[in-house]
Amino acid sequence: MPETWRQATLTVPEEDSQFVQQILLDLGALGLEIKDDESLDVPERDYRPKHEAQITGTFDQTPDLESRILDKLSGYEIHFGDLVDGDWANEFLKSWRAFSLGDSIWVVPSWDHDFKAAPNSLVLKIDPGMAFGTGHHETTTLCARTVLAEVKAGKKHVLDVGTGTGILAMIAAKAGSVDVVGTDNDPLACQVARENLAKNNLDFEITEKTPDAFGSRFDLVIANILANPLIELAPQMIQALAHKGVLLLSGILATQAQKVQIAYEALGLKHRETTQLGDWVLISMIRE
């Protein structure tokens, strides 16, 4: 008998897309379908940008699903429907392939036993269908490459704030950091991250503690969240940084970069560099 899945579909402004995707993943979406200007603007097709995104999340059937989604995304119009397809989950999994974040960093589903990485590659085993995504977003690519470069340059004590799947913390650990901590205020995120650590034969602290709970311990602090939470967390993030420590901030649209940078400069940090990929940026700051 075909299995039935529940779907929630929203059309949101382009600048809200990442936020809405994150919420749907937090609520347990098994997969997301995104139709936006980037995905619809294909060669040899006359397409006029709409500056909006249609997002469809597919979920297991649970009694309180709709009320939880409506509560978290109350400012948007949401359409619910059923997907009846006994093969949907298997087809979704079959379509999932290893992908590169650049600089020889690979994300590989645990069932892909045929994948062969080049020597000296950094391989992370992370499966789709879990909360908090798997790293396809531009901000994760920006952070992954920069974290790897910073650890290779000597950063040994790393804090990943809003760790989600733990992907950035795991990159730091696999690249050679000796003291790694991942924090997240969501217990489900911490559970997912710990499961991923086990899949990757890693063992470090995953906790719900706030960034200021550790003292000025870390020479590298990463936060790939969203612009407004980054501004709110600025005092806590700075307390976690050691002298000469580097802070990497992402989850920021290019149009939001200046206000985030100003918030941290007002608390004494110095801007080092801003890197952009697509519409998104990573801001690098240093505590002097």
Protein backbone atom coordinates (compact mmCIF):
# COMPACT_ATOMS: atom_id res chain seq x y z
CA MET A 1 0.00 0.00 0.00
CA PRO A 2 1.45 3.40 -0.94
CA GLU A 3 2.75 5.50 1.92
CA THR A 4 1.39 9.00 2.52
CA TRP A 5 3.58 11.98 3.34
CA ARG A 6 2.49 15.45 4.43
CA GLN A 7 3.68 18.50 2.52
CA ALA A 8 3.76 22.18 3.44
CA THR A 9 4.26 24.76 0.67
CA LEU A 10 5.05 28.46 1.11
CA THR A 11 5.90 31.26 -1.31
CA VAL A 12 8.16 33.76 0.44
CA PRO A 13 10.32 36.78 -0.44
CA GLU A 14 13.79 35.81 -1.62
CA GLU A 15 15.44 37.26 1.49
CA ASP A 16 13.28 35.03 3.73
CA SER A 17 14.03 31.80 1.90
CA GLN A 18 16.98 30.61 4.00
CA PHE A 19 15.17 31.37 7.24
CA VAL A 20 12.04 29.43 6.17
CA GLN A 21 14.11 26.49 4.92
CA GLN A 22 15.90 26.32 8.26
CA ILE A 23 12.61 26.34 10.19
CA LEU A 24 11.14 23.53 8.07
CA LEU A 25 14.29 21.45 8.57
CA ASP A 26 14.19 22.18 12.30
CA LEU A 27 10.62 20.85 12.33
CA GLY A 28 11.76 17.57 10.78
CA ALA A 29 11.38 18.00 7.02
CA LEU A 30 12.66 14.90 5.25
CA GLY A 31 13.35 16.90 2.12
CA LEU A 32 12.91 20.37 0.63
CA GLU A 33 12.04 21.40 -2.91
CA ILE A 34 13.06 24.97 -3.74
CA LYS A 35 11.82 26.84 -6.80
CA ASP A 36 13.45 30.26 -7.00
CA ASP A 37 15.15 32.56 -9.48
CA GLU A 38 18.37 30.55 -9.32
CA SER A 39 16.70 27.20 -10.04
CA LEU A 40 14.22 28.47 -12.67
CA ASP A 41 16.58 30.71 -14.66
CA VAL A 42 18.01 28.11 -17.05
CA PRO A 43 19.85 28.65 -20.35
CA GLU A 44 17.77 29.20 -23.49
CA ARG A 45 14.68 30.12 -21.47
CA ASP A 46 13.19 33.58 -21.23
CA TYR A 47 12.77 34.05 -17.49
CA ARG A 48 11.97 37.20 -15.54
CA PRO A 49 13.19 37.10 -11.89
CA LYS A 50 10.41 37.18 -9.30
CA HIS A 51 12.65 37.68 -6.26
CA GLU A 52 10.71 35.05 -4.35
CA ALA A 53 10.99 31.35 -3.55
CA GLN A 54 8.43 28.57 -3.44
CA ILE A 55 9.46 26.11 -0.75
CA THR A 56 7.87 22.70 -0.24
CA GLY A 57 8.78 20.59 2.76
CA THR A 58 7.90 16.90 2.94
CA PHE A 59 7.25 15.37 6.35
CA ASP A 60 6.22 12.17 8.04
CA GLN A 61 2.56 12.18 9.08
CA THR A 62 2.38 13.35 12.71
CA PRO A 63 -0.73 14.55 14.59
CA ASP A 64 0.56 18.01 15.56
CA LEU A 65 2.61 18.75 12.43
CA GLU A 66 0.42 21.49 10.98
CA SER A 67 0.02 23.34 14.26
CA ARG A 68 3.80 23.32 14.85
CA ILE A 69 4.49 24.67 11.36
CA LEU A 70 1.80 27.35 11.69
CA ASP A 71 3.17 28.37 15.06
CA LYS A 72 6.75 28.79 13.80
CA LEU A 73 5.81 30.41 10.47
CA SER A 74 2.70 32.36 11.44
CA GLY A 75 3.59 35.32 9.22
CA TYR A 76 3.32 33.32 5.98
CA GLU A 77 0.52 31.73 3.97
CA ILE A 78 0.97 27.96 4.10
CA HIS A 79 -0.73 25.32 1.96
CA PHE A 80 -0.84 21.73 3.21
CA GLY A 81 -1.36 18.60 1.14
CA ASP A 82 -0.59 14.90 0.94
CA LEU A 83 2.00 13.15 -1.19
CA VAL A 84 0.94 9.57 -1.89
CA ASP A 85 3.93 7.66 -3.19
CA GLY A 86 5.29 4.46 -1.74
CA ASP A 87 8.63 5.01 -3.45
CA TRP A 88 9.17 8.68 -2.55
CA ALA A 89 11.63 8.05 0.29
CA ASN A 90 13.64 5.50 -1.67
CA GLU A 91 13.76 7.73 -4.74
CA PHE A 92 14.85 10.65 -2.57
CA LEU A 93 17.65 8.62 -1.05
CA LYS A 94 18.77 7.22 -4.41
CA SER A 95 19.05 10.74 -5.80
CA TRP A 96 21.36 11.81 -2.99
CA ARG A 97 25.01 11.73 -4.00
CA ALA A 98 28.32 12.75 -2.49
CA PHE A 99 29.12 16.40 -3.11
CA SER A 100 32.13 18.63 -2.60
CA LEU A 101 32.36 21.79 -0.53
CA GLY A 102 35.64 22.62 -2.24
CA ASP A 103 39.21 22.30 -0.98
CA SER A 104 38.90 18.48 -1.01
CA ILE A 105 36.02 18.48 1.51
CA TRP A 106 33.37 15.86 0.67
CA VAL A 107 29.95 15.18 2.19
CA VAL A 108 28.97 11.56 1.59
CA PRO A 109 25.76 9.68 2.55
CA SER A 110 26.51 6.68 4.75
CA TRP A 111 25.07 4.18 2.25
CA ASP A 112 27.32 5.32 -0.61
CA HIS A 113 29.92 2.57 -0.33
CA ASP A 114 31.25 3.13 -3.87
CA PHE A 115 32.53 6.67 -3.25
CA LYS A 116 36.31 6.91 -3.47
CA ALA A 117 37.88 10.15 -2.30
CA ALA A 118 41.23 11.35 -3.56
CA PRO A 119 44.16 11.01 -1.16
CA ASN A 120 44.23 13.64 1.61
CA SER A 121 40.54 14.46 1.12
CA LEU A 122 38.44 15.30 4.16
CA VAL A 123 35.31 13.11 4.09
CA LEU A 124 32.22 13.63 6.25
CA LYS A 125 29.44 11.03 6.44
CA ILE A 126 26.12 12.86 6.77
CA ASP A 127 22.73 11.57 5.65
CA PRO A 128 19.85 13.63 4.23
CA GLY A 129 16.41 13.62 5.79
CA MET A 130 17.58 14.95 9.14
CA ALA A 131 17.06 18.35 10.71
CA PHE A 132 19.39 21.24 9.86
CA GLY A 133 20.39 20.27 6.36
CA THR A 134 23.54 18.67 5.05
CA GLY A 135 25.68 21.48 3.71
CA HIS A 136 24.43 22.38 0.25
CA HIS A 137 23.92 26.04 1.08
CA GLU A 138 26.46 28.69 0.01
CA THR A 139 27.08 29.76 3.61
CA THR A 140 28.14 26.24 4.58
CA THR A 141 30.56 26.17 1.65
CA LEU A 142 32.02 29.53 2.67
CA CYS A 143 32.41 28.42 6.29
CA ALA A 144 33.78 24.97 5.48
CA ARG A 145 36.56 26.31 3.27
CA THR A 146 37.50 29.04 5.73
CA VAL A 147 37.45 26.75 8.77
CA LEU A 148 39.75 24.31 6.97
CA ALA A 149 42.15 27.12 6.06
CA GLU A 150 42.17 28.52 9.61
CA VAL A 151 42.82 25.13 11.20
CA LYS A 152 45.62 24.44 8.73
CA ALA A 153 47.04 27.85 9.72
CA GLY A 154 47.22 26.73 13.34
CA LYS A 155 43.82 27.21 15.03
CA LYS A 156 43.50 24.39 17.59
CA HIS A 157 40.62 25.46 19.87
CA VAL A 158 37.34 25.78 17.96
CA LEU A 159 33.77 26.63 18.98
CA ASP A 160 30.93 26.07 16.48
CA VAL A 161 27.86 28.08 17.54
CA GLY A 162 24.54 26.84 16.15
CA THR A 163 26.23 23.61 15.16
CA GLY A 164 23.20 21.88 13.56
CA THR A 165 24.49 18.65 12.04
CA GLY A 166 27.93 19.43 13.46
CA ILE A 167 29.41 19.69 9.96
CA LEU A 168 31.74 22.65 10.63
CA ALA A 169 32.89 21.35 14.00
CA MET A 170 33.66 17.98 12.40
CA ILE A 171 35.72 19.66 9.68
CA ALA A 172 37.77 21.39 12.39
CA ALA A 173 38.28 18.13 14.27
CA LYS A 174 39.22 16.13 11.19
CA ALA A 175 41.58 18.89 10.03
CA GLY A 176 43.57 18.75 13.27
CA SER A 177 42.00 20.91 15.99
CA VAL A 178 42.55 19.35 19.40
CA ASP A 179 39.79 21.15 21.33
CA VAL A 180 36.42 21.33 19.53
CA VAL A 181 32.98 22.16 20.93
CA GLY A 182 29.64 22.42 19.14
CA THR A 183 26.78 24.34 20.74
CA ASP A 184 23.12 24.60 19.79
CA ASN A 185 20.08 25.77 21.74
CA ASP A 186 17.93 23.03 20.20
CA PRO A 187 18.15 19.57 21.81
CA LEU A 188 17.26 17.91 18.49
CA ALA A 189 20.23 19.58 16.80
CA CYS A 190 22.52 18.31 19.54
CA GLN A 191 21.13 14.80 19.13
CA VAL A 192 21.67 14.90 15.36
CA ALA A 193 25.21 16.24 15.76
CA ARG A 194 26.13 13.50 18.25
CA GLU A 195 24.82 10.84 15.85
CA ASN A 196 26.97 12.32 13.09
CA LEU A 197 30.03 12.33 15.32
CA ALA A 198 29.54 8.61 15.90
CA LYS A 199 29.24 7.96 12.12
CA ASN A 200 32.52 9.81 11.61
CA ASN A 201 34.40 8.20 14.53
CA LEU A 202 34.73 11.55 16.30
CA ASP A 203 34.30 12.36 19.96
CA PHE A 204 34.02 15.93 21.22
CA GLU A 205 31.55 17.97 23.25
CA ILE A 206 28.13 18.83 21.83
CA THR A 207 26.16 20.97 24.25
CA GLU A 208 23.24 23.37 24.69
CA LYS A 209 25.45 25.80 26.63
CA THR A 210 25.62 29.41 25.47
CA PRO A 211 28.84 30.68 23.82
CA ASP A 212 29.85 32.66 26.92
CA ALA A 213 29.87 29.55 29.13
CA PHE A 214 33.44 28.54 28.31
CA GLY A 215 35.55 31.58 29.12
CA SER A 216 37.91 33.14 26.55
CA ARG A 217 39.08 29.73 25.43
CA PHE A 218 38.83 29.54 21.66
CA ASP A 219 41.17 30.86 18.98
CA LEU A 220 38.46 30.21 16.37
CA VAL A 221 34.71 30.73 16.82
CA ILE A 222 32.29 29.97 13.98
CA ALA A 223 28.62 30.93 13.74
CA ASN A 224 26.67 30.14 10.58
CA ILE A 225 23.24 31.27 11.71
CA LEU A 226 21.31 34.35 10.50
CA ALA A 227 22.05 38.07 10.69
CA ASN A 228 19.71 39.10 13.51
CA PRO A 229 20.64 36.25 15.90
CA LEU A 230 24.32 36.98 15.19
CA ILE A 231 23.82 40.58 16.31
CA GLU A 232 21.93 39.48 19.43
CA LEU A 233 24.65 36.98 20.34
CA ALA A 234 27.56 39.38 19.77
CA PRO A 235 28.44 39.95 23.48
CA GLN A 236 28.40 36.19 24.18
CA MET A 237 30.44 35.32 21.10
CA ILE A 238 33.14 37.81 21.94
CA GLN A 239 33.48 36.39 25.47
CA ALA A 240 34.33 33.01 23.96
CA LEU A 241 37.25 34.41 21.93
CA ALA A 242 40.85 34.26 23.14
CA HIS A 243 43.21 37.17 22.52
CA LYS A 244 43.97 37.29 18.79
CA GLY A 245 41.11 34.83 18.29
CA VAL A 246 39.28 34.81 14.94
CA LEU A 247 35.49 34.98 14.61
CA LEU A 248 33.75 33.70 11.47
CA LEU A 249 30.18 34.95 10.96
CA SER A 250 27.88 33.69 8.19
CA GLY A 251 24.25 33.07 7.32
CA ILE A 252 24.34 36.71 6.22
CA LEU A 253 23.01 38.18 2.99
CA ALA A 254 25.36 40.66 1.35
CA THR A 255 22.81 43.40 2.02
CA GLN A 256 23.01 42.63 5.76
CA ALA A 257 26.79 42.50 6.06
CA GLN A 258 27.37 46.08 7.13
CA LYS A 259 25.01 46.03 10.10
CA VAL A 260 26.50 42.76 11.39
CA GLN A 261 30.04 44.07 11.03
CA ILE A 262 29.17 47.33 12.81
CA ALA A 263 27.63 45.42 15.74
CA TYR A 264 30.86 43.52 16.35
CA GLU A 265 33.16 46.48 15.74
CA ALA A 266 31.18 48.41 18.37
CA LEU A 267 32.27 45.74 20.88
CA GLY A 268 35.94 46.01 19.97
CA LEU A 269 36.53 43.46 17.23
CA LYS A 270 38.47 44.35 14.09
CA HIS A 271 37.26 43.45 10.62
CA ARG A 272 39.66 41.23 8.68
CA GLU A 273 37.84 40.19 5.53
CA THR A 274 34.42 39.65 3.96
CA THR A 275 34.05 36.80 1.46
CA GLN A 276 31.01 36.43 -0.81
CA LEU A 277 29.46 33.46 -2.61
CA GLY A 278 26.27 34.15 -4.50
CA ASP A 279 24.11 36.46 -2.38
CA TRP A 280 25.72 35.33 0.88
CA VAL A 281 28.79 36.46 2.79
CA LEU A 282 31.18 35.32 5.50
CA ILE A 283 32.64 38.03 7.74
CA SER A 284 35.98 37.38 9.43
CA MET A 285 36.76 39.41 12.59
CA ILE A 286 39.66 39.31 15.07
CA ARG A 287 39.88 40.13 18.78
CA GLU A 288 42.85 42.43 19.36
